[in-house]
Protein backbone atom coordinates (compact mmCIF):
# COMPACT_ATOMS: atom_id res chain seq x y z
CA MET A 1 37.28 24.43 -14.76
CA THR A 2 39.11 22.99 -12.32
CA GLU A 3 38.66 23.05 -8.29
CA THR A 4 41.87 25.13 -8.03
CA ASP A 5 40.26 27.56 -10.71
CA GLN A 6 37.17 27.81 -8.83
CA GLN A 7 38.72 29.02 -5.66
CA GLY A 8 40.52 31.59 -7.85
CA ILE A 9 43.99 30.76 -7.41
CA ASP A 10 45.97 30.53 -10.45
CA PRO A 11 46.76 26.72 -11.35
CA ALA A 12 49.99 27.79 -13.30
CA ARG A 13 52.16 29.00 -10.35
CA PRO A 14 54.44 26.62 -8.09
CA VAL A 15 53.48 25.53 -4.65
CA PRO A 16 54.82 27.50 -2.74
CA ASP A 17 55.45 30.51 -4.62
CA ILE A 18 56.54 33.84 -2.30
CA ARG A 19 56.33 36.95 -3.84
CA THR A 20 56.55 39.65 -0.91
CA ALA A 21 58.36 39.77 2.25
CA LEU A 22 55.75 38.37 4.89
CA PRO A 23 53.56 39.46 6.20
CA GLY A 24 53.25 41.67 2.77
CA PRO A 25 51.64 44.85 3.18
CA GLU A 26 48.33 44.04 2.69
CA GLY A 27 49.31 41.38 5.56
CA GLN A 28 50.41 43.97 8.04
CA LYS A 29 47.46 46.03 7.73
CA VAL A 30 45.75 42.73 9.22
CA LEU A 31 47.89 42.61 11.86
CA ASP A 32 47.64 46.01 12.96
CA ARG A 33 44.23 45.84 13.01
CA ASP A 34 44.16 42.67 14.86
CA GLY A 35 46.53 44.06 17.41
CA ALA A 36 44.24 46.66 18.62
CA VAL A 37 41.31 44.71 19.10
CA THR A 38 42.12 41.05 19.85
CA SER A 39 42.47 39.08 23.02
CA PRO A 40 46.13 38.88 23.66
CA SER A 41 45.66 35.29 24.50
CA LEU A 42 45.51 34.38 21.12
CA PRO A 43 49.18 32.19 20.57
CA ARG A 44 50.02 33.08 16.79
CA ALA A 45 52.92 30.90 15.54
CA TYR A 46 53.70 33.28 12.67
CA PRO A 47 52.19 36.25 10.80
CA LEU A 48 50.37 34.07 8.08
CA VAL A 49 47.15 36.00 6.99
CA PRO A 50 45.11 33.64 4.49
CA LYS A 51 42.84 34.62 1.86
CA ARG A 52 41.65 31.33 0.50
CA ALA A 53 42.95 27.82 -0.11
CA SER A 54 42.40 24.89 -1.87
CA GLY A 55 43.23 21.20 -1.63
CA SER A 56 46.88 22.13 0.54
CA THR A 57 47.35 25.42 -1.06
CA MET A 58 47.10 28.35 0.81
CA GLU A 59 47.08 31.66 -0.56
CA ASP A 60 47.50 34.95 1.92
CA VAL A 61 46.11 38.46 1.09
CA ASP A 62 49.12 39.34 -0.82
CA GLY A 63 49.01 36.54 -3.15
CA ASN A 64 51.36 34.37 -1.99
CA LEU A 65 51.15 30.44 -2.06
CA PHE A 66 51.97 28.15 1.04
CA LEU A 67 51.99 24.31 1.03
CA ASP A 68 49.81 23.68 4.02
CA LEU A 69 51.27 20.90 6.03
CA ASN A 70 48.90 22.25 8.65
CA ALA A 71 45.58 21.62 7.89
CA GLY A 72 43.92 24.12 10.40
CA ILE A 73 46.07 22.46 13.03
CA ALA A 74 44.72 18.82 11.73
CA VAL A 75 41.07 20.14 10.99
CA ASN A 76 40.96 20.56 7.19
CA SER A 77 40.99 16.26 6.56
CA THR A 78 39.80 16.75 3.49
CA GLY A 79 41.90 19.64 2.22
CA HIS A 80 40.92 22.74 1.96
CA THR A 81 37.22 23.71 -0.01
CA HIS A 82 36.45 20.14 -0.98
CA PRO A 83 33.89 20.40 -3.66
CA ALA A 84 32.00 17.78 -1.81
CA VAL A 85 32.03 19.22 1.41
CA VAL A 86 30.98 23.28 -0.14
CA ALA A 87 28.51 21.55 -2.03
CA ALA A 88 26.75 19.69 1.20
CA ILE A 89 27.36 23.03 3.19
CA LYS A 90 25.70 24.88 0.14
CA GLU A 91 22.75 22.48 0.00
CA GLN A 92 21.83 22.79 3.66
CA ALA A 93 22.42 26.67 4.10
CA ASP A 94 19.49 26.89 1.69
CA GLN A 95 17.24 24.94 3.58
CA LEU A 96 18.36 25.51 7.13
CA LEU A 97 20.62 27.33 9.31
CA HIS A 98 20.13 26.45 12.58
CA TYR A 99 17.60 24.74 15.13
CA SER A 100 18.98 23.36 18.44
CA ALA A 101 18.91 19.70 18.59
CA SER A 102 19.14 19.81 22.04
CA ASP A 103 15.24 20.61 22.39
CA PHE A 104 13.95 19.23 18.61
CA TYR A 105 14.30 16.41 16.41
CA LEU A 106 16.75 17.57 13.67
CA PRO A 107 16.93 14.59 11.17
CA ILE A 108 20.60 15.85 10.05
CA TYR A 109 21.22 15.53 13.85
CA SER A 110 20.65 11.70 13.80
CA GLN A 111 21.88 10.92 10.45
CA MET A 112 25.28 12.27 11.66
CA CYS A 113 25.14 10.46 14.85
CA ALA A 114 24.80 7.23 13.21
CA ALA A 115 27.12 7.59 10.33
CA LEU A 116 30.29 8.43 12.84
CA ALA A 117 28.91 5.19 14.75
CA GLU A 118 29.18 2.90 11.74
CA THR A 119 33.00 4.00 12.19
CA LEU A 120 33.78 3.40 16.01
CA PRO A 121 36.25 1.23 17.14
CA MET A 122 33.47 -0.82 19.78
CA GLU A 123 31.59 -3.81 19.42
CA GLY A 124 27.86 -3.35 20.06
CA PRO A 125 25.51 -0.33 20.04
CA THR A 126 26.81 2.86 20.59
CA ARG A 127 25.56 6.59 21.11
CA VAL A 128 26.55 9.78 20.28
CA PHE A 129 26.51 13.45 21.47
CA LEU A 130 27.58 16.46 19.27
CA THR A 131 29.30 19.66 20.15
CA ASN A 132 30.57 22.55 18.42
CA SER A 133 34.66 21.54 19.55
CA GLY A 134 37.18 18.95 21.13
CA ALA A 135 37.55 20.73 24.26
CA GLU A 136 33.64 20.37 24.55
CA ALA A 137 33.20 16.90 23.66
CA VAL A 138 36.36 16.55 26.44
CA GLU A 139 34.09 18.08 28.93
CA GLY A 140 30.63 15.96 28.00
CA ALA A 141 32.95 13.04 28.49
CA ILE A 142 34.45 13.97 31.76
CA LYS A 143 30.39 14.49 32.93
CA LEU A 144 29.55 11.39 31.61
CA ALA A 145 32.07 9.16 33.11
CA ARG A 146 31.39 10.47 35.98
CA TYR A 147 28.02 10.35 35.71
CA ALA A 148 27.99 6.77 34.68
CA THR A 149 30.27 5.02 37.36
CA GLY A 150 29.47 7.02 40.27
CA ARG A 151 33.08 7.96 40.31
CA GLN A 152 34.74 11.64 40.82
CA HIS A 153 38.52 10.37 39.95
CA LEU A 154 40.06 11.15 36.66
CA ILE A 155 43.96 10.09 35.05
CA SER A 156 45.30 11.90 32.57
CA PHE A 157 49.33 11.67 31.29
CA PHE A 158 52.04 14.10 31.46
CA GLY A 159 52.24 15.87 27.87
CA ALA A 160 48.69 15.49 26.92
CA PHE A 161 46.48 17.96 25.84
CA HIS A 162 42.78 17.95 26.03
CA GLY A 163 41.61 21.42 25.19
CA ARG A 164 41.83 24.79 27.51
CA THR A 165 38.23 24.71 29.12
CA TYR A 166 37.89 24.30 32.67
CA GLY A 167 37.61 20.38 32.84
CA ALA A 168 39.71 19.99 29.60
CA VAL A 169 42.40 21.97 30.73
CA SER A 170 42.74 20.22 34.21
CA LEU A 171 43.48 16.97 31.90
CA THR A 172 45.82 18.94 30.35
CA ALA A 173 49.41 18.78 31.36
CA SER A 174 51.78 19.41 28.31
CA LYS A 175 52.57 23.08 29.21
CA SER A 176 52.37 24.69 32.81
CA LYS A 177 51.36 27.85 30.64
CA TYR A 178 48.08 26.34 30.25
CA HIS A 179 47.24 26.32 33.99
CA LYS A 180 49.10 29.27 34.87
CA GLY A 181 46.80 31.59 36.86
CA PHE A 182 43.41 29.72 36.41
CA GLY A 183 43.40 27.71 39.19
CA PRO A 184 41.98 26.10 41.36
CA LEU A 185 41.42 23.53 38.54
CA LEU A 186 39.27 20.60 38.50
CA SER A 187 39.71 18.44 41.72
CA GLY A 188 40.42 14.63 41.43
CA VAL A 189 42.50 14.63 38.42
CA HIS A 190 45.88 12.99 38.77
CA HIS A 191 48.54 12.74 36.09
CA VAL A 192 51.02 9.73 35.22
CA PRO A 193 54.06 9.21 32.83
CA PHE A 194 53.27 8.63 29.04
CA ALA A 195 55.33 5.66 27.43
CA PHE A 196 58.13 8.07 26.09
CA ALA A 197 61.83 8.52 27.43
CA GLU A 198 64.29 10.88 26.55
CA ILE A 199 66.86 10.53 24.35
CA ASP A 200 69.96 8.78 25.65
CA GLU A 201 73.88 9.63 25.48
CA ASN A 202 74.00 7.41 22.19
CA GLY A 203 71.47 9.25 20.83
CA HIS A 204 68.77 6.09 20.97
CA ARG A 205 64.85 7.40 22.24
CA SER A 206 63.20 4.30 23.79
CA HIS A 207 59.68 3.95 25.20
CA ASP A 208 59.42 3.28 29.24
CA GLU A 209 56.18 1.45 30.15
CA GLU A 210 56.88 0.38 32.94
CA ALA A 211 56.84 4.03 34.70
CA THR A 212 53.43 4.25 33.60
CA PHE A 213 52.22 1.44 36.03
CA ALA A 214 54.94 2.01 38.44
CA GLU A 215 53.15 5.58 39.22
CA LEU A 216 49.98 4.52 38.84
CA ASP A 217 50.31 1.60 41.53
CA ARG A 218 51.77 4.13 43.53
CA LEU A 219 48.77 6.39 42.72
CA PHE A 220 46.35 3.71 43.68
CA GLU A 221 48.66 2.83 47.01
CA THR A 222 49.02 6.00 48.23
CA GLU A 223 46.33 8.52 46.97
CA VAL A 224 43.48 7.24 45.25
CA ASP A 225 41.88 3.47 45.15
CA PRO A 226 41.01 2.11 42.11
CA SER A 227 37.63 1.55 43.27
CA GLU A 228 37.16 5.70 43.05
CA VAL A 229 38.72 6.48 39.32
CA ALA A 230 35.98 7.11 37.17
CA ALA A 231 38.02 7.02 33.68
CA ILE A 232 41.64 7.12 32.33
CA PHE A 233 41.91 9.76 29.22
CA LEU A 234 44.41 8.86 27.02
CA GLU A 235 45.49 10.34 23.51
CA PRO A 236 46.46 7.18 21.44
CA VAL A 237 48.90 9.39 19.70
CA GLN A 238 49.70 12.33 21.96
CA GLY A 239 49.25 15.57 20.05
CA GLU A 240 50.40 19.07 21.55
CA GLY A 241 52.87 16.65 23.72
CA GLY A 242 55.09 16.22 20.51
CA TYR A 243 53.14 13.35 18.08
CA ILE A 244 54.64 10.70 20.19
CA VAL A 245 53.39 6.75 19.06
CA PRO A 246 53.00 4.70 21.91
CA PRO A 247 53.36 1.21 21.78
CA ALA A 248 50.88 -1.03 21.01
CA SER A 249 51.48 -3.58 24.05
CA TRP A 250 51.32 -0.16 26.53
CA VAL A 251 47.73 0.70 25.54
CA GLN A 252 47.04 -2.73 25.76
CA ARG A 253 48.05 -2.78 29.35
CA LEU A 254 46.35 0.07 30.16
CA ARG A 255 43.22 -1.34 28.59
CA ALA A 256 43.43 -4.58 30.60
CA LEU A 257 44.11 -2.32 33.74
CA CYS A 258 40.94 -0.18 32.97
CA ASP A 259 39.17 -3.88 32.62
CA GLU A 260 40.77 -4.89 36.23
CA HIS A 261 39.47 -2.29 38.08
CA GLY A 262 36.11 -1.31 36.63
CA ILE A 263 37.37 2.08 35.16
CA LEU A 264 36.71 3.76 31.44
CA LEU A 265 38.98 4.11 28.95
CA VAL A 266 38.51 7.40 27.41
CA ALA A 267 40.18 7.68 23.59
CA ASP A 268 40.63 11.67 22.83
CA GLU A 269 40.95 11.03 19.30
CA VAL A 270 40.81 15.43 18.35
CA GLN A 271 43.76 15.45 16.79
CA SER A 272 44.56 11.65 16.12
CA GLY A 273 41.46 10.54 14.34
CA MET A 274 39.02 10.53 11.40
CA GLY A 275 42.09 8.66 9.27
CA ARG A 276 45.35 11.20 10.16
CA THR A 277 47.09 7.89 11.16
CA GLY A 278 45.69 5.83 7.81
CA ARG A 279 43.21 4.16 10.68
CA MET A 280 39.86 5.75 10.97
CA TRP A 281 40.75 5.86 14.65
CA ALA A 282 44.40 6.14 16.02
CA ILE A 283 43.38 3.51 18.61
CA GLU A 284 42.94 0.81 16.38
CA LEU A 285 46.37 0.69 15.80
CA ALA A 286 46.80 -0.97 19.10
CA ASP A 287 43.67 -3.41 18.60
CA VAL A 288 41.98 -1.95 21.38
CA GLN A 289 38.49 -0.64 22.44
CA PRO A 290 37.65 2.36 24.09
CA ASP A 291 34.86 2.97 26.42
CA ILE A 292 34.36 6.47 25.46
CA LEU A 293 35.78 7.86 22.22
CA ILE A 294 35.78 12.12 21.52
CA SER A 295 36.05 13.22 17.96
CA ALA A 296 36.63 17.10 16.15
CA LYS A 297 39.04 18.89 14.61
CA GLY A 298 38.86 16.67 10.98
CA LEU A 299 35.35 15.73 11.62
CA ALA A 300 33.89 18.22 9.54
CA SER A 301 36.49 19.30 7.58
CA GLY A 302 37.16 22.72 9.09
CA LEU A 303 33.73 23.41 10.23
CA PRO A 304 32.84 23.02 13.76
CA LEU A 305 31.69 19.71 15.41
CA GLY A 306 33.12 17.51 17.75
CA ALA A 307 31.50 14.31 19.17
CA PHE A 308 31.97 11.97 22.24
CA ALA A 309 30.44 8.26 21.50
CA ALA A 310 30.01 5.57 24.02
CA ARG A 311 28.90 2.31 24.62
CA ALA A 312 25.23 2.48 24.74
CA GLU A 313 24.84 1.12 28.28
CA LEU A 314 27.41 3.44 29.65
CA MET A 315 25.45 6.29 27.67
CA GLU A 316 21.79 5.16 28.84
CA LYS A 317 22.59 5.68 32.15
CA TRP A 318 21.79 9.62 32.09
CA GLY A 319 18.58 10.90 31.23
CA ALA A 320 16.77 13.59 29.62
CA GLY A 321 18.73 16.93 30.81
CA ALA A 322 21.79 15.80 31.93
CA HIS A 323 23.64 17.24 29.06
CA GLY A 324 22.46 19.34 26.09
CA SER A 325 23.95 21.97 23.47
CA THR A 326 22.26 25.07 22.07
CA TYR A 327 24.70 24.67 19.05
CA GLY A 328 26.41 21.16 19.01
CA GLY A 329 25.11 19.26 15.72
CA SER A 330 23.87 22.31 14.07
CA PRO A 331 22.50 21.42 10.29
CA ILE A 332 25.66 22.85 8.40
CA PRO A 333 28.25 21.33 10.56
CA CYS A 334 27.05 17.79 10.59
CA ALA A 335 26.26 18.39 6.44
CA ALA A 336 30.06 18.72 6.26
CA GLY A 337 30.60 15.95 8.68
CA LEU A 338 28.51 13.74 6.58
CA ALA A 339 30.26 15.08 3.05
CA THR A 340 33.28 14.08 5.35
CA LEU A 341 33.13 10.60 6.12
CA ARG A 342 32.19 9.77 2.89
CA THR A 343 34.84 11.70 1.06
CA ILE A 344 37.43 9.56 3.12
CA GLN A 345 35.96 6.62 2.34
CA GLU A 346 35.06 7.29 -1.35
CA GLU A 347 38.22 8.78 -2.44
CA GLY A 348 40.52 6.21 -0.07
CA LEU A 349 42.09 8.83 2.10
CA LEU A 350 42.93 6.30 4.64
CA ALA A 351 44.99 4.15 2.72
CA ASN A 352 46.62 7.98 1.30
CA ALA A 353 47.75 9.09 4.29
CA THR A 354 49.44 5.57 5.03
CA THR A 355 51.13 5.57 1.38
CA ILE A 356 52.42 9.42 2.00
CA GLY A 357 53.27 9.32 5.44
CA ASP A 358 55.54 6.63 4.52
CA GLN A 359 56.96 8.91 1.45
CA LEU A 360 57.23 12.00 4.46
CA LEU A 361 58.61 9.50 7.10
CA THR A 362 61.40 8.01 4.79
CA GLY A 363 62.31 11.62 3.29
CA LEU A 364 62.33 13.21 6.96
CA ARG A 365 65.08 10.46 7.93
CA GLU A 366 67.01 11.24 5.14
CA LEU A 367 66.88 14.70 6.23
CA GLN A 368 67.75 13.83 9.71
CA ALA A 369 70.56 11.61 8.74
CA LYS A 370 71.88 14.87 7.10
CA HIS A 371 71.35 17.14 9.61
CA PRO A 372 72.01 15.05 12.71
CA GLU A 373 73.20 17.98 14.78
CA VAL A 374 69.65 19.94 14.25
CA ILE A 375 67.35 17.10 13.95
CA THR A 376 67.26 14.75 16.69
CA ASP A 377 64.09 12.32 16.17
CA VAL A 378 61.66 11.89 13.30
CA ARG A 379 58.60 9.55 14.18
CA GLY A 380 54.95 9.68 13.62
CA VAL A 381 52.39 7.40 11.55
CA GLY A 382 50.24 8.32 8.69
CA LEU A 383 49.97 11.83 8.04
CA MET A 384 50.81 12.66 12.02
CA ILE A 385 54.49 13.32 11.64
CA GLY A 386 56.82 15.08 14.67
CA VAL A 387 60.10 16.26 13.57
CA GLU A 388 61.92 16.88 17.09
CA PHE A 389 65.07 19.31 17.26
CA ARG A 390 67.60 19.71 19.87
CA ASP A 391 66.04 22.86 21.18
CA ALA A 392 63.22 24.96 21.85
CA ALA A 393 64.67 28.19 19.86
CA THR A 394 66.28 25.69 16.68
CA ALA A 395 62.71 24.20 16.58
CA ALA A 396 61.25 27.74 16.12
CA GLU A 397 63.53 28.57 13.82
CA ALA A 398 63.29 25.78 11.90
CA GLN A 399 59.20 26.85 11.77
CA ASN A 400 60.27 30.04 10.54
CA GLN A 401 62.57 29.46 7.97
CA ALA A 402 59.96 26.81 6.75
CA PHE A 403 57.48 29.55 6.80
CA GLN A 404 59.39 32.19 4.89
CA ARG A 405 59.86 29.74 2.26
CA GLY A 406 56.14 28.85 1.92
CA LEU A 407 55.99 25.73 3.92
CA LEU A 408 53.35 25.87 6.94
CA VAL A 409 54.49 23.89 9.92
CA LEU A 410 53.91 24.45 13.57
CA ASP A 411 55.41 23.38 16.88
CA CYS A 412 54.15 21.01 18.98
CA GLY A 413 55.91 19.64 22.33
CA VAL A 414 58.86 21.50 23.93
CA ARG A 415 60.83 21.42 20.64
CA THR A 416 59.04 19.47 17.98
CA ILE A 417 57.51 20.77 14.85
CA ARG A 418 54.19 18.84 13.55
CA MET A 419 53.17 17.78 9.75
CA SER A 420 49.68 17.54 10.05
CA PRO A 421 48.40 17.85 6.04
CA PRO A 422 45.10 17.64 4.73
CA LEU A 423 44.18 13.63 3.88
CA VAL A 424 44.35 14.69 0.32
CA PHE A 425 48.18 15.28 0.35
CA THR A 426 50.03 14.09 -2.97
CA ALA A 427 53.15 12.63 -3.39
CA GLU A 428 54.33 15.74 -5.68
CA GLU A 429 53.45 17.97 -2.98
CA ALA A 430 55.53 15.32 -0.47
CA THR A 431 58.58 15.66 -2.51
CA THR A 432 58.00 19.56 -2.32
CA ALA A 433 57.80 19.34 0.98
CA LEU A 434 60.90 17.74 1.94
CA ARG A 435 62.96 19.78 -0.90
CA VAL A 436 61.55 23.21 1.02
CA LEU A 437 62.30 21.58 4.65
CA GLY A 438 65.77 20.62 3.46
CA GLU A 439 66.22 24.63 2.20
CA ALA A 440 65.33 25.70 5.75
CA LEU A 441 67.63 23.28 7.64
CA ALA A 442 70.48 24.21 5.42
CA ALA A 443 69.58 27.88 6.05
CA LEU A 444 69.36 26.92 10.19
CA GLU A 445 73.09 25.51 10.00
CA ALA A 446 74.64 28.19 7.37
């Protein structure tokens, strides 16, 4: 029996395969109930109502099949319901569902920390703290950076997304709606330009490294002395800001600046980590070592697990009770996390992300050449790819046209849709995705 059979999805059906209007009748029932009882703050993208999934295939409650290039927003790293991950979850569930690792010694907690530490792009000993989510890991990293340095100021970038809790959202600067109505936010947070420039009159996009460092010079001269800056928070590839890959030289200059002033460099790899770029951690693309690294999303293939890791000398500066979490590093997410790390290694998923990512980038650039009035840029690395459109409305309609045809993509930035499929995405699925997206683009121009 195949994995697909085990999930109840007919392996003989093509993917995608849309058989009802979207949403279908059963899906509409869910939408009606949802609209009556859930918080209206939830930013739903389109009326997808999942029932089950396997690999890169999603089935909704009406039996429609979708090809998933979202992976739960870069979460289902090993694909949906990977057998190794499911088996690890079931085995752990039979033994222990929960006990707090903050107050007691769960064997699987330190096992997960050790396995994650082995992958980190840091020389020397490291220590790891496990959380429930990326936002919680960002909050922990803020606390650690301030505690370890004795400094209060933090620097982030325009376009950055670090989460929605108060410290994390204070670092966030991708959309004003994330701040609207919630002030005052965390004090001591400053934002500077990311290494990215708009398209010029000739249609060329260029990276502007100097704007970042000119603004940092101004900030240090007029607002805050660098000796009072605890950390710079960096997404090695910006996620919500538009899937932007900065030049390696720019990241290296940030590292040098941090070294010059005793500032910690924090790599927020919540979305870019766990193999998404073809490297375990995206900051490896620049051959730079962070002082603190943050992970979540793909860390446990869909279960709630995050982490922040740091050079041991930093984390050893705080003692018992300085930070904790009731659920962080609970047994079942840790079991899924250990299985995820093993699967990425044993199945060669880093190499697959590079190979299939190159296939998608090539095909997307061919689509851009066919639709130059619609697509203005294609960028990315590995399976972290952004397709930028001429304006926000066009990007939104492209997302909708893809959904109606059974292709799941999601917007990011101002006018970009992201492609972040599971790391198990195949060449055949990539070919299908390009074909369906081409049909969606043709519909835009019809």
